[in-house]
Every structure is written in C-alpha cells, then in structure tokens.
Amino acid sequence: MIHPLSLFACSTCRVSMIEGGGDAAGWSIFFLLVVILAILGGIAFFMFRIARREREFFDPSLSDDYQPTDS
C-alpha cells in the first residue's frame, strides 16, 4: 500500500517527516492556526465594538437626508 505522505513530498522530505519531523510540523500548523484565529477574533471584536459605540453615541443632527430613488 502506498503511504499518503509519499504522494505529497519527495523521498528525503518524506523520510525525515516520518522519522522525527512530523510532530514539529503538526505543532507548527496548530500554532499558525491559533495565530490566524486570534487575529480574526481581534478584528471581529473591534468591528463589533465600533458598531456598538456608533449606535450608542449616534448624533442624528450629523446624518444626511439621503433618500434613494426608486428605479
């Protein structure tokens, strides 16, 4: 049976991954996933915070009277 890793890597990379690098590669992927999720979470947090503050401190005198035309 063909090992799935042999389909994606050259023989040198595959052997070194199987012998000892697999754990490090897995942890590095997990670390990068955590970093990406933290950044996306921070962006979402600040977007919701800005929207909430806009709703809370909205001054109607500063808005325009735009009425969309029906086409």
Protein backbone atom coordinates (compact mmCIF):
# COMPACT_ATOMS: atom_id res chain seq x y z
CA MET A 1 0.00 0.00 0.00
CA ILE A 2 1.23 3.49 -0.83
CA HIS A 3 1.78 5.78 2.16
CA PRO A 4 -0.23 9.04 1.74
CA LEU A 5 2.78 11.21 2.57
CA SER A 6 4.71 9.76 -0.34
CA LEU A 7 2.23 11.38 -2.70
CA PHE A 8 2.92 14.90 -1.40
CA ALA A 9 6.66 15.01 -0.71
CA CYS A 10 9.96 13.97 -2.17
CA SER A 11 11.65 10.93 -0.63
CA THR A 12 14.03 13.00 1.52
CA CYS A 13 11.24 15.12 3.00
CA ARG A 14 9.00 12.10 3.50
CA VAL A 15 11.65 10.09 5.36
CA SER A 16 12.64 12.99 7.62
CA MET A 17 8.96 13.76 8.33
CA ILE A 18 8.24 10.17 9.32
CA GLU A 19 11.41 9.76 11.42
CA GLY A 20 11.06 12.81 13.60
CA GLY A 21 9.71 15.94 12.00
CA GLY A 22 6.05 15.03 11.92
CA ASP A 23 5.36 16.17 15.43
CA ALA A 24 7.10 19.52 14.88
CA ALA A 25 5.24 20.10 11.62
CA GLY A 26 1.92 19.32 13.30
CA TRP A 27 2.59 21.73 16.16
CA SER A 28 3.69 24.47 13.78
CA ILE A 29 0.45 24.12 11.79
CA PHE A 30 -1.54 24.23 15.02
CA PHE A 31 0.37 27.33 16.19
CA LEU A 32 -0.28 29.14 12.90
CA LEU A 33 -3.96 28.23 13.11
CA VAL A 34 -4.15 29.71 16.61
CA VAL A 35 -2.41 32.90 15.44
CA ILE A 36 -4.78 33.31 12.48
CA LEU A 37 -7.85 32.72 14.65
CA ALA A 38 -6.59 35.23 17.24
CA ILE A 39 -6.11 37.89 14.56
CA LEU A 40 -9.56 37.26 13.05
CA GLY A 41 -11.10 37.30 16.52
CA GLY A 42 -9.43 40.63 17.28
CA ILE A 43 -10.67 42.15 14.04
CA ALA A 44 -14.22 40.91 14.71
CA PHE A 45 -14.09 42.20 18.30
CA PHE A 46 -13.10 45.70 17.19
CA MET A 47 -15.69 45.75 14.40
CA PHE A 48 -18.48 44.89 16.84
CA ARG A 49 -17.10 47.40 19.34
CA ILE A 50 -17.08 50.19 16.75
CA ALA A 51 -20.62 49.32 15.62
CA ARG A 52 -21.89 49.26 19.21
CA ARG A 53 -20.26 52.61 20.04
CA GLU A 54 -21.66 54.15 16.85
CA ARG A 55 -25.16 53.01 17.78
CA GLU A 56 -24.72 54.23 21.37
CA PHE A 57 -23.34 57.70 20.57
CA PHE A 58 -25.16 58.39 17.28
CA ASP A 59 -25.98 62.08 16.72
CA PRO A 60 -28.92 62.43 14.28
CA SER A 61 -28.02 66.05 13.52
CA LEU A 62 -24.84 64.86 11.79
CA SER A 63 -26.59 62.44 9.39
CA ASP A 64 -27.65 63.39 5.88
CA ASP A 65 -31.17 63.22 4.44
CA TYR A 66 -30.39 60.83 1.59
CA GLN A 67 -33.46 59.15 0.15
CA PRO A 68 -32.76 56.52 -2.52
CA THR A 69 -34.72 56.94 -5.73
CA ASP A 70 -36.91 54.12 -6.94
CA SER A 71 -35.75 52.98 -10.37
